Protein backbone atom coordinates (compact mmCIF):
# COMPACT_ATOMS: atom_id res chain seq x y z
CA UNK A 1 21.72 8.23 9.84
CA UNK A 2 19.19 7.67 8.38
CA UNK A 3 17.98 8.26 4.45
CA UNK A 4 14.65 8.62 2.41
CA UNK A 5 15.60 5.98 -0.90
CA UNK A 6 13.29 6.93 -4.15
CA UNK A 7 12.54 6.49 -7.29
CA UNK A 8 12.38 8.61 -9.97
CA UNK A 9 12.34 9.71 -14.14
CA UNK A 10 14.17 13.00 -15.19
CA UNK A 11 14.14 13.88 -18.29
CA UNK A 12 13.83 9.93 -19.79
CA UNK A 13 15.65 8.49 -16.93
CA UNK A 14 14.38 6.46 -14.00
CA UNK A 15 17.41 5.92 -11.51
CA UNK A 16 17.46 5.50 -7.60
CA UNK A 17 17.97 8.15 -5.47
CA UNK A 18 18.75 10.10 -2.11
CA UNK A 19 16.63 13.25 -1.40
CA UNK A 20 18.71 15.67 0.93
CA UNK A 21 17.73 15.73 4.59
CA UNK A 22 15.47 19.41 3.05
CA UNK A 23 13.62 17.15 0.72
CA UNK A 24 14.52 19.83 -2.16
CA UNK A 25 17.14 17.72 -3.58
CA UNK A 26 17.66 14.40 -5.36
CA UNK A 27 20.92 12.20 -5.39
CA UNK A 28 22.00 10.00 -7.70
CA UNK A 29 23.16 5.98 -6.12
CA UNK A 30 25.94 5.46 -9.17
CA UNK A 31 26.05 2.35 -10.99
CA UNK A 32 22.71 1.99 -12.02
CA UNK A 33 21.93 0.33 -8.54
CA UNK A 34 18.19 0.31 -7.62
CA UNK A 35 16.22 0.58 -4.49
CA UNK A 36 15.42 -3.27 -4.38
CA UNK A 37 19.56 -3.92 -4.69
CA UNK A 38 19.91 -1.34 -1.96
CA UNK A 39 17.32 -3.12 0.31
CA UNK A 40 18.54 -6.75 -0.12
CA UNK A 41 22.17 -5.32 0.58
CA UNK A 42 21.50 -4.29 4.30
CA UNK A 43 20.71 -1.60 5.79
CA UNK A 44 24.33 -1.15 6.77
CA UNK A 45 25.49 -0.89 3.10
CA UNK A 46 22.45 1.12 2.08
CA UNK A 47 23.37 4.06 4.30
CA UNK A 48 27.13 3.96 2.91
CA UNK A 49 25.48 3.29 -0.27
CA UNK A 50 23.05 7.11 0.23
CA UNK A 51 25.97 8.81 1.89
CA UNK A 52 28.49 8.59 -1.20
CA UNK A 53 25.47 9.69 -3.17
CA UNK A 54 24.61 13.10 -1.26
CA UNK A 55 28.36 13.83 -2.59
CA UNK A 56 27.52 13.79 -6.30
CA UNK A 57 25.14 15.67 -8.41
CA UNK A 58 21.48 16.22 -7.62
CA UNK A 59 18.57 16.92 -9.64
CA UNK A 60 16.11 19.69 -7.63
CA UNK A 61 12.49 17.55 -6.55
CA UNK A 62 10.09 19.75 -8.94
CA UNK A 63 11.87 18.26 -11.71
CA UNK A 64 11.42 14.65 -11.10
CA UNK A 65 8.53 12.32 -11.90
CA UNK A 66 7.94 10.33 -8.68
CA UNK A 67 7.95 6.11 -9.58
CA UNK A 68 6.93 3.82 -6.79
CA UNK A 69 10.09 3.50 -5.15
CA UNK A 70 10.86 0.09 -5.46
CA UNK A 71 9.72 -3.24 -6.96
CA UNK A 72 8.94 -5.38 -4.66
CA UNK A 73 8.95 -9.20 -5.14
CA UNK A 74 5.48 -9.68 -3.18
CA UNK A 75 2.87 -6.97 -2.06
CA UNK A 76 0.82 -8.48 0.50
CA UNK A 77 -1.68 -6.24 1.88
CA UNK A 78 -3.39 -6.84 5.79
CA UNK A 79 -6.19 -5.80 7.47
CA UNK A 80 -5.03 -4.67 11.21
CA UNK A 81 -6.99 -1.98 12.33
CA UNK A 82 -10.32 -3.54 13.77
CA UNK A 83 -12.37 -0.32 13.51
CA UNK A 84 -11.98 -0.56 9.36
CA UNK A 85 -13.48 -3.69 10.13
CA UNK A 86 -15.79 -3.18 11.75
CA UNK A 87 -16.84 -0.22 9.90
CA UNK A 88 -16.14 -1.30 6.24
CA UNK A 89 -17.87 -4.88 6.80
CA UNK A 90 -21.38 -3.92 6.34
CA UNK A 91 -20.80 -1.69 3.63
CA UNK A 92 -18.44 -5.04 1.05
CA UNK A 93 -20.47 -7.94 2.56
CA UNK A 94 -23.95 -6.75 4.16
CA UNK A 95 -22.56 -7.84 7.81
CA UNK A 96 -22.43 -6.39 10.98
CA UNK A 97 -19.49 -6.79 13.50
CA UNK A 98 -16.16 -7.56 13.28
CA UNK A 99 -16.32 -11.74 13.82
CA UNK A 100 -14.08 -13.47 15.74
CA UNK A 101 -11.62 -14.75 13.26
CA UNK A 102 -10.22 -11.09 13.05
CA UNK A 103 -8.71 -11.73 16.74
CA UNK A 104 -6.70 -15.15 16.22
CA UNK A 105 -4.93 -13.38 13.67
CA UNK A 106 -4.02 -11.23 11.18
CA UNK A 107 -5.32 -11.18 7.84
CA UNK A 108 -3.51 -10.78 4.22
CA UNK A 109 -4.56 -11.33 0.56
CA UNK A 110 -1.59 -11.12 -2.26
CA UNK A 111 -2.20 -8.20 -4.47
CA UNK A 112 -0.26 -7.36 -8.04
CA UNK A 113 3.05 -6.05 -7.46
CA UNK A 114 3.01 -4.76 -11.24
CA UNK A 115 -0.05 -2.44 -10.37
CA UNK A 116 1.92 -0.05 -8.17
CA UNK A 117 1.84 3.60 -9.41
CA UNK A 118 3.70 6.79 -8.12
CA UNK A 119 2.64 9.74 -5.59
CA UNK A 120 1.51 12.16 -7.87
CA UNK A 121 0.19 9.57 -11.06
CA UNK A 122 -3.19 10.16 -12.52
CA UNK A 123 -5.38 6.70 -11.49
CA UNK A 124 -8.11 5.47 -13.65
CA UNK A 125 -11.30 3.89 -12.12
CA UNK A 126 -11.41 0.60 -12.88
CA UNK A 127 -13.02 -0.56 -15.99
CA UNK A 128 -17.09 -1.05 -15.30
CA UNK A 129 -16.80 0.18 -11.60
CA UNK A 130 -19.07 2.92 -10.21
CA UNK A 131 -17.90 2.49 -6.55
CA UNK A 132 -13.97 3.85 -6.58
CA UNK A 133 -13.10 4.12 -2.82
CA UNK A 134 -9.19 5.06 -1.69
CA UNK A 135 -7.46 2.86 1.58
CA UNK A 136 -4.44 4.93 3.50
CA UNK A 137 -2.20 2.59 4.48
CA UNK A 138 1.39 2.26 6.01
CA UNK A 139 4.33 -0.38 4.58
CA UNK A 140 6.64 -1.99 5.38
CA UNK A 141 9.45 -2.83 3.78
CA UNK A 142 11.03 -6.42 4.30
CA UNK A 143 14.91 -5.66 5.61
CA UNK A 144 16.28 -9.74 4.99
CA UNK A 145 15.10 -13.17 3.67
CA UNK A 146 13.90 -15.24 6.90
CA UNK A 147 11.57 -18.57 6.69
CA UNK A 148 9.73 -18.61 9.66
CA UNK A 149 10.72 -15.98 11.50
CA UNK A 150 10.07 -14.66 15.05
CA UNK A 151 8.84 -11.13 15.53
CA UNK A 152 12.02 -10.29 17.21
CA UNK A 153 13.98 -11.65 14.44
CA UNK A 154 12.07 -9.89 11.73
CA UNK A 155 14.62 -7.37 10.92
CA UNK A 156 12.28 -4.17 8.44
CA UNK A 157 14.20 -1.51 6.21
CA UNK A 158 11.76 1.35 5.85
CA UNK A 159 8.71 2.33 5.46
CA UNK A 160 6.15 4.21 2.91
CA UNK A 161 3.01 5.16 1.77
CA UNK A 162 0.55 2.40 0.60
CA UNK A 163 -2.35 3.56 -1.07
CA UNK A 164 -4.37 0.53 -1.56
CA UNK A 165 -7.58 1.43 -4.26
CA UNK A 166 -10.72 -0.07 -4.53
CA UNK A 167 -13.31 -1.15 -6.31
CA UNK A 168 -15.94 -1.69 -3.82
CA UNK A 169 -18.66 -2.38 -6.22
CA UNK A 170 -16.57 -5.48 -8.58
CA UNK A 171 -15.20 -6.10 -4.92
CA UNK A 172 -18.40 -6.88 -3.31
CA UNK A 173 -19.23 -9.21 -6.13
CA UNK A 174 -16.37 -11.63 -5.44
CA UNK A 175 -16.26 -11.57 -1.68
CA UNK A 176 -19.72 -13.55 -2.24
CA UNK A 177 -17.84 -16.43 -3.54
CA UNK A 178 -16.16 -16.41 -0.69
CA UNK A 179 -12.86 -16.12 -2.43
CA UNK A 180 -10.78 -12.30 -3.22
CA UNK A 181 -10.67 -9.35 -2.79
CA UNK A 182 -9.12 -10.26 -6.18
CA UNK A 183 -10.45 -7.04 -9.52
CA UNK A 184 -11.65 -4.98 -6.99
CA UNK A 185 -7.93 -4.03 -5.83
CA UNK A 186 -5.55 -4.93 -8.39
CA UNK A 187 -6.42 -1.98 -10.67
CA UNK A 188 -3.90 1.02 -9.05
CA UNK A 189 -2.05 0.89 -6.31
CA UNK A 190 -0.38 3.87 -4.82
CA UNK A 191 3.14 3.43 -3.14
CA UNK A 192 6.28 6.46 -1.91
CA UNK A 193 6.88 8.90 -2.08
CA UNK A 194 9.83 7.49 -0.97
CA UNK A 195 10.69 4.42 1.41
CA UNK A 196 12.38 6.07 4.75
CA UNK A 197 14.09 3.87 6.76
CA UNK A 198 13.07 2.35 9.89
CA UNK A 199 15.52 3.77 12.29
CA UNK A 200 14.51 7.41 11.47
CA UNK A 201 10.85 6.02 12.68
CA UNK A 202 11.47 4.82 15.92
CA UNK A 203 11.25 7.54 18.46
CA UNK A 204 7.44 7.44 17.22
CA UNK A 205 7.58 3.47 18.76
CA UNK A 206 4.99 3.52 21.67
CA UNK A 207 5.18 1.48 24.44
CA UNK A 208 3.15 -1.84 22.96
CA UNK A 209 6.05 -1.90 19.96
CA UNK A 210 3.65 0.14 17.77
CA UNK A 211 4.66 3.33 15.62
CA UNK A 212 1.91 6.07 16.68
CA UNK A 213 2.28 7.93 13.43
CA UNK A 214 -0.52 10.28 12.10
CA UNK A 215 -2.11 9.42 9.53
CA UNK A 216 -4.57 11.80 7.14
CA UNK A 217 -6.60 12.08 3.58
CA UNK A 218 -8.30 13.92 1.63
CA UNK A 219 -10.28 14.65 -1.00
CA UNK A 220 -9.95 17.63 -3.19
CA UNK A 221 -9.15 19.73 -0.15
CA UNK A 222 -11.47 17.93 2.45
CA UNK A 223 -10.05 16.20 5.01
CA UNK A 224 -12.44 12.99 4.92
CA UNK A 225 -10.22 10.36 7.86
CA UNK A 226 -7.49 10.86 10.24
CA UNK A 227 -6.39 7.94 12.88
CA UNK A 228 -2.96 6.54 14.03
CA UNK A 229 -1.32 3.89 12.90
CA UNK A 230 -0.35 2.94 16.40
CA UNK A 231 -3.92 1.68 16.64
CA UNK A 232 -3.15 -1.57 14.58
CA UNK A 233 -4.02 -4.92 16.35
CA UNK A 234 -0.83 -5.79 15.19
CA UNK A 235 2.88 -4.02 15.28
CA UNK A 236 4.53 -4.92 12.10
CA UNK A 237 6.79 -7.32 13.30
CA UNK A 238 4.30 -9.86 13.88
CA UNK A 239 2.25 -9.34 10.15
CA UNK A 240 6.05 -10.43 9.17
CA UNK A 241 6.29 -13.10 11.04
CA UNK A 242 2.88 -14.34 10.37
CA UNK A 243 3.59 -14.11 6.40
CA UNK A 244 6.82 -15.98 7.10
CA UNK A 245 4.87 -18.63 9.29
CA UNK A 246 5.98 -21.93 7.47
CA UNK A 247 6.93 -20.21 4.06
CA UNK A 248 9.39 -17.46 3.67
CA UNK A 249 9.63 -13.32 3.35
CA UNK A 250 12.13 -12.04 1.39
CA UNK A 251 14.40 -8.84 1.26
CA UNK A 252 12.21 -6.16 -0.59
CA UNK A 253 8.69 -7.57 -0.20
CA UNK A 254 5.97 -5.15 0.82
CA UNK A 255 3.39 -5.74 3.21
CA UNK A 256 0.53 -3.08 3.78
CA UNK A 257 -0.92 -2.35 7.15
CA UNK A 258 -4.25 -2.51 6.07
CA UNK A 259 -7.17 0.33 5.66
CA UNK A 260 -6.87 2.89 9.43
CA UNK A 261 -9.89 3.49 11.28
CA UNK A 262 -12.27 7.40 11.30
CA UNK A 263 -12.37 7.40 7.26
CA UNK A 264 -9.14 5.60 6.69
CA UNK A 265 -11.50 4.73 3.32
CA UNK A 266 -15.33 5.57 2.08
CA UNK A 267 -16.81 2.27 2.37
CA UNK A 268 -15.88 2.98 6.20
CA UNK A 269 -17.88 5.33 5.99
CA UNK A 270 -20.99 4.29 3.69
CA UNK A 271 -20.95 0.85 6.58
CA UNK A 272 -21.65 3.72 9.30
CA UNK A 273 -24.19 5.86 8.05
CA UNK A 274 -25.66 3.67 5.41
CA UNK A 275 -25.48 6.33 2.58
CA UNK A 276 -23.14 6.48 -0.26
CA UNK A 277 -21.42 9.88 1.82
CA UNK A 278 -19.35 11.07 0.71
CA UNK A 279 -19.50 9.79 -2.67
CA UNK A 280 -17.61 7.72 -4.45
CA UNK A 281 -14.53 9.02 -6.29
CA UNK A 282 -15.55 10.23 -9.93
CA UNK A 283 -12.89 11.67 -12.47
CA UNK A 284 -11.11 14.97 -11.49
CA UNK A 285 -10.89 14.05 -7.69
CA UNK A 286 -7.40 14.69 -5.93
CA UNK A 287 -6.56 12.42 -3.11
CA UNK A 288 -3.75 13.10 -0.68
CA UNK A 289 -2.62 11.31 1.91
CA UNK A 290 0.01 12.11 4.70
CA UNK A 291 1.88 10.17 6.83
CA UNK A 292 3.82 11.63 9.08
CA UNK A 293 7.44 11.25 8.94
CA UNK A 294 6.81 9.90 5.10
CA UNK A 295 5.61 12.26 3.13
CA UNK A 296 2.57 12.69 0.92
CA UNK A 297 0.65 11.00 -1.82
CA UNK A 298 -1.36 13.03 -4.08
CA UNK A 299 -2.86 11.38 -7.15
CA UNK A 300 -5.73 12.38 -9.24
CA UNK A 301 -8.54 10.44 -10.57
CA UNK A 302 -9.04 10.06 -14.55
CA UNK A 303 -11.50 8.09 -16.61
CA UNK A 304 -11.62 4.54 -17.18
CA UNK A 305 -9.87 2.64 -19.87
CA UNK A 306 -12.35 2.02 -22.86
CA UNK A 307 -12.15 -2.34 -22.91
CA UNK A 308 -15.20 -4.42 -24.16
CA UNK A 309 -17.22 -6.01 -22.09
CA UNK A 310 -16.64 -8.64 -19.20
CA UNK A 311 -16.65 -12.45 -20.47
CA UNK A 312 -19.93 -14.09 -20.54
CA UNK A 313 -21.59 -15.99 -17.68
CA UNK A 314 -20.31 -19.10 -16.90
CA UNK A 315 -21.71 -21.67 -19.23
CA UNK A 316 -23.74 -23.85 -17.78
CA UNK A 317 -22.71 -28.36 -17.69
CA UNK A 318 -24.04 -31.35 -17.60
CA UNK A 319 -21.42 -32.45 -15.87
CA UNK A 320 -20.85 -35.83 -17.06
CA UNK A 321 -18.00 -38.19 -16.41
CA UNK A 322 -18.07 -39.76 -19.65
CA UNK A 323 -16.96 -38.34 -23.30
CA UNK A 324 -19.43 -37.69 -25.44
CA UNK A 325 -19.42 -37.66 -28.80
């Protein structure tokens, strides 16, 4: 039996719940159990807890606020779509083409687990940014602690939509230093609306082991991008194995696929056309992402937080090797 686990707020109370098959009601998991607790308990125990919850009281889904499905220990974001890299590199770095190193191993960075937002939350423009962008992704959630696992040893608990909001102008400056992205991507990441257990998506797996889920993104009701998740260069099991190579992955870790191609973000389109069309996101824009089998997220962009100017430039130093009076 497959499950869709969620974390929601209802009348000021935050709780983990299970959606019914129709997606109309949310049934609370008792005893203050969180979705992360369920993931760490293992899929069989989580499914048993979900079945028990479905016999209890329910809340209509139109009365809840969707929070990120879980609080992950870490969040990694990969760049696993060749088409995305091919288009976005020109926009962000000014170069053309996919570097040979991309094909050698999957590349990722760690992003901020404290910046996760819910499926319908408002998202402020990052302070100082004028080139705000969306990024359509899918994330897997690791189901079992592992050290240097082989791909066939990886256990994936489930999948969810992963929307990596990006400030392209901030990212461009950071990556000129040869490090990043950092402030260009840490303002917000939408996760949700729920976590779908991996077994539910097995029928979508193709002959190469990739999940052929349709991904779509629209801005203000106009479709901007569409792709298949199976266009990833590596399946999720290989991404998890690489993340854990020489180290550990933990149950509950979130790993993003990276942005899909064919309009999965604005920067890809800008890099191909040489113009900023469609334009960067502005307050009032509504970004809607739908992934087959995983649901839909719908976030409204709002004004940036009012903050003082960025810190002053670095102080020029004389590089003395001895203390001076």
